[in-house]
Amino acid sequence: MANRLAGISVADLTTLRAVAVSVVFETHSWSEDNERGVASGWNHSCLTPRGRVLALELGDRRSADAIDAVFTSDLRRAVETVEVAFADHPISIFHDWRLRECNYGTLNGMPAAELHADKPSYVRSPYPGGESWQGAIERVGLFLDDLARYFDGQRVLLVGHVATYWAIVHHLDGTSITDLMTSGFDWKLGWEFELPAGQLSQNL
């Protein structure tokens, strides 16, 4: 082995070691605020009975999926999703506030249709007392930066929100926030991404 590595620089060795992080993203399950048509933002909301059933299905879907660790937003609807999904599965679970939804500030908890009708106005301008979509996506990007540096070669599950998903797509594909808003968000049974090992800071 020593002969094979002779003459290879430290930078080359780092490149050889770096693999990628296999990222599975799932949204939190159906919440009481979803049921009422309310935009939770940073407010907490519990799952409905239907949401708990969907969370159990998520656990069944991912428990044999070679997941090394689960990272969840610390908002209640996401935490409860993970608690229900993996209650009977021995897997490392980490809560991280950086995976939260966009903070709508004083508008947290208002009717979703009313709030999101003016969404483009808050791409770079923050909601009153809250943050902009750009700020939310940069926040999630800092989490992705840590994930890329410390979890290369592993397969991880992220449970979060629309802001979480948009941040992953933005930082990996370079899709603009405006284009993400235009394309909307269509729920499905998880998304898969390959996060390059190292740092994503240049994309923030």
Protein backbone atom coordinates (compact mmCIF):
# COMPACT_ATOMS: atom_id res chain seq x y z
CA MET A 1 0.00 0.00 0.00
CA ALA A 2 2.85 2.37 0.92
CA ASN A 3 4.46 1.91 -2.49
CA ARG A 4 1.15 2.54 -4.26
CA LEU A 5 0.70 5.83 -2.36
CA ALA A 6 4.30 7.03 -2.81
CA GLY A 7 4.40 10.48 -4.35
CA ILE A 8 0.70 11.21 -3.76
CA SER A 9 0.11 14.55 -2.08
CA VAL A 10 -2.09 15.16 0.96
CA ALA A 11 -4.59 16.92 -1.31
CA ASP A 12 -4.72 13.86 -3.57
CA LEU A 13 -5.26 11.58 -0.57
CA THR A 14 -8.13 13.80 0.57
CA THR A 15 -9.69 13.55 -2.87
CA LEU A 16 -9.32 9.77 -2.85
CA ARG A 17 -10.94 9.54 0.60
CA ALA A 18 -13.83 11.88 -0.15
CA VAL A 19 -16.90 10.06 -1.38
CA ALA A 20 -20.32 11.63 -1.01
CA VAL A 21 -23.18 11.74 1.42
CA SER A 22 -26.27 9.88 0.25
CA VAL A 23 -29.16 12.08 1.36
CA VAL A 24 -32.76 10.92 1.60
CA PHE A 25 -35.24 13.74 2.22
CA GLU A 26 -38.76 13.27 3.57
CA THR A 27 -41.20 15.95 4.65
CA HIS A 28 -42.77 15.90 8.10
CA SER A 29 -46.07 14.06 8.20
CA TRP A 30 -49.58 15.57 8.03
CA SER A 31 -50.10 18.03 10.88
CA GLU A 32 -53.05 19.70 12.56
CA ASP A 33 -52.07 22.97 10.88
CA ASN A 34 -51.97 21.21 7.49
CA GLU A 35 -55.49 19.98 8.23
CA ARG A 36 -56.65 23.53 9.00
CA GLY A 37 -54.89 25.12 6.03
CA VAL A 38 -52.56 27.09 8.26
CA ALA A 39 -48.94 28.05 7.50
CA SER A 40 -47.12 26.97 10.67
CA GLY A 41 -43.73 28.51 9.92
CA TRP A 42 -41.85 28.34 13.21
CA ASN A 43 -44.98 27.51 15.21
CA HIS A 44 -45.28 23.99 16.59
CA SER A 45 -48.07 21.72 15.38
CA CYS A 46 -48.82 18.10 16.31
CA LEU A 47 -49.60 15.34 13.84
CA THR A 48 -53.15 14.30 13.09
CA PRO A 49 -54.15 10.61 13.39
CA ARG A 50 -53.69 10.40 9.62
CA GLY A 51 -50.26 11.97 10.03
CA ARG A 52 -49.22 9.35 12.56
CA VAL A 53 -50.25 6.58 10.15
CA LEU A 54 -48.19 8.22 7.39
CA ALA A 55 -45.26 8.50 9.80
CA LEU A 56 -45.48 4.77 10.53
CA GLU A 57 -45.40 4.13 6.79
CA LEU A 58 -42.30 6.31 6.52
CA GLY A 59 -40.63 4.19 9.20
CA ASP A 60 -41.55 0.98 7.37
CA ARG A 61 -40.22 2.48 4.15
CA ARG A 62 -36.87 3.59 5.56
CA SER A 63 -36.08 1.15 8.39
CA ALA A 64 -34.46 -1.31 5.96
CA ASP A 65 -32.97 1.39 3.75
CA ALA A 66 -29.42 1.29 5.18
CA ILE A 67 -29.87 4.67 6.89
CA ASP A 68 -26.90 5.52 9.13
CA ALA A 69 -28.47 8.51 10.90
CA VAL A 70 -31.64 10.61 10.94
CA PHE A 71 -31.60 14.41 11.14
CA THR A 72 -34.83 16.25 11.82
CA SER A 73 -36.00 19.82 12.17
CA ASP A 74 -36.67 20.56 15.84
CA LEU A 75 -40.21 21.77 15.14
CA ARG A 76 -42.77 19.49 16.77
CA ARG A 77 -44.42 18.18 13.58
CA ALA A 78 -41.04 16.98 12.27
CA VAL A 79 -39.84 15.59 15.62
CA GLU A 80 -43.10 13.69 16.11
CA THR A 81 -42.81 12.27 12.59
CA VAL A 82 -39.40 10.80 13.44
CA GLU A 83 -40.49 9.61 16.90
CA VAL A 84 -43.41 7.68 15.45
CA ALA A 85 -41.52 6.40 12.41
CA PHE A 86 -38.52 5.01 14.30
CA ALA A 87 -39.98 4.19 17.71
CA ASP A 88 -39.06 0.52 17.31
CA HIS A 89 -35.86 0.98 15.31
CA PRO A 90 -32.40 1.50 16.87
CA ILE A 91 -31.07 4.42 14.83
CA SER A 92 -29.25 7.63 15.75
CA ILE A 93 -31.58 10.65 15.63
CA PHE A 94 -30.38 14.26 15.76
CA HIS A 95 -32.49 17.42 16.07
CA ASP A 96 -31.18 20.52 14.27
CA TRP A 97 -32.94 23.88 14.26
CA ARG A 98 -31.29 24.80 10.95
CA LEU A 99 -33.65 22.37 9.18
CA ARG A 100 -36.70 24.44 10.18
CA GLU A 101 -39.29 25.89 7.82
CA CYS A 102 -39.00 29.53 6.79
CA ASN A 103 -39.79 31.83 9.72
CA TYR A 104 -42.81 33.94 8.78
CA GLY A 105 -42.39 36.03 11.93
CA THR A 106 -45.63 37.72 12.99
CA LEU A 107 -47.34 35.88 10.11
CA ASN A 108 -46.63 32.41 11.49
CA GLY A 109 -49.99 30.65 11.82
CA MET A 110 -51.95 32.61 9.25
CA PRO A 111 -53.99 30.93 6.48
CA ALA A 112 -51.54 29.35 4.05
CA ALA A 113 -53.35 30.48 0.89
CA GLU A 114 -53.31 34.08 2.07
CA LEU A 115 -49.67 34.00 3.20
CA HIS A 116 -48.25 32.30 0.11
CA ALA A 117 -50.13 34.50 -2.36
CA ASP A 118 -47.41 37.09 -1.81
CA LYS A 119 -44.48 34.67 -1.42
CA PRO A 120 -42.25 36.21 -4.16
CA SER A 121 -42.13 39.48 -2.20
CA TYR A 122 -40.16 37.68 0.51
CA VAL A 123 -37.43 36.03 -1.54
CA ARG A 124 -34.88 38.53 -0.21
CA SER A 125 -36.98 40.72 2.06
CA PRO A 126 -37.80 39.16 5.45
CA TYR A 127 -41.31 38.55 6.70
CA PRO A 128 -42.19 41.00 9.52
CA GLY A 129 -40.25 39.79 12.55
CA GLY A 130 -39.04 36.74 10.60
CA GLU A 131 -36.66 35.87 7.78
CA SER A 132 -36.58 35.85 3.99
CA TRP A 133 -36.64 32.68 1.90
CA GLN A 134 -33.05 33.41 0.95
CA GLY A 135 -32.16 33.58 4.65
CA ALA A 136 -33.94 30.28 5.33
CA ILE A 137 -32.17 28.56 2.44
CA GLU A 138 -28.77 29.88 3.53
CA ARG A 139 -29.48 28.61 7.06
CA VAL A 140 -30.19 25.10 5.79
CA GLY A 141 -27.10 25.41 3.61
CA LEU A 142 -24.93 25.77 6.72
CA PHE A 143 -26.31 22.45 7.93
CA LEU A 144 -25.58 20.84 4.54
CA ASP A 145 -22.03 22.19 4.76
CA ASP A 146 -21.52 20.36 8.08
CA LEU A 147 -23.15 17.23 6.68
CA ALA A 148 -20.83 17.24 3.67
CA ARG A 149 -17.75 17.63 5.87
CA TYR A 150 -18.49 15.08 8.56
CA PHE A 151 -20.73 12.38 7.07
CA ASP A 152 -19.05 11.50 3.78
CA GLY A 153 -19.63 7.90 2.75
CA GLN A 154 -22.80 7.63 4.83
CA ARG A 155 -26.49 7.49 4.00
CA VAL A 156 -28.64 9.86 6.03
CA LEU A 157 -32.31 10.74 6.26
CA LEU A 158 -33.41 14.38 6.62
CA VAL A 159 -36.94 15.16 7.80
CA GLY A 160 -38.00 18.74 7.30
CA HIS A 161 -40.10 21.22 5.39
CA VAL A 162 -40.42 23.04 2.07
CA ALA A 163 -37.51 25.34 2.97
CA THR A 164 -35.37 22.28 3.72
CA TYR A 165 -36.13 20.71 0.35
CA TRP A 166 -35.66 23.94 -1.60
CA ALA A 167 -32.30 24.50 0.11
CA ILE A 168 -31.05 21.05 -0.92
CA VAL A 169 -32.07 21.59 -4.55
CA HIS A 170 -30.70 25.16 -4.60
CA HIS A 171 -27.29 24.24 -3.21
CA LEU A 172 -26.86 21.07 -5.27
CA ASP A 173 -28.39 22.11 -8.60
CA GLY A 174 -28.09 25.88 -8.44
CA THR A 175 -31.83 26.34 -9.06
CA SER A 176 -32.80 29.89 -8.16
CA ILE A 177 -35.25 30.51 -5.33
CA THR A 178 -37.60 32.26 -7.74
CA ASP A 179 -37.60 29.23 -10.05
CA LEU A 180 -38.22 26.93 -7.08
CA MET A 181 -41.24 29.03 -6.13
CA THR A 182 -42.53 28.97 -9.70
CA SER A 183 -42.25 25.20 -9.95
CA GLY A 184 -44.00 24.79 -6.60
CA PHE A 185 -43.73 21.78 -4.33
CA ASP A 186 -45.25 18.41 -5.15
CA TRP A 187 -45.19 15.92 -2.28
CA LYS A 188 -43.99 12.38 -2.91
CA LEU A 189 -42.55 9.43 -1.00
CA GLY A 190 -39.10 10.92 -0.50
CA TRP A 191 -36.33 12.34 -2.65
CA GLU A 192 -32.74 11.15 -3.03
CA PHE A 193 -29.64 13.29 -3.51
CA GLU A 194 -25.87 12.86 -3.61
CA LEU A 195 -24.13 15.52 -1.53
CA PRO A 196 -20.45 15.92 -2.49
CA ALA A 197 -18.08 15.35 0.42
CA GLY A 198 -16.21 18.41 1.62
CA GLN A 199 -17.76 21.85 1.87
CA LEU A 200 -20.57 23.62 0.07
CA SER A 201 -19.68 27.08 1.39
CA GLN A 202 -18.98 28.38 -2.10
CA ASN A 203 -22.63 27.75 -2.98
CA LEU A 204 -24.06 29.65 -0.02
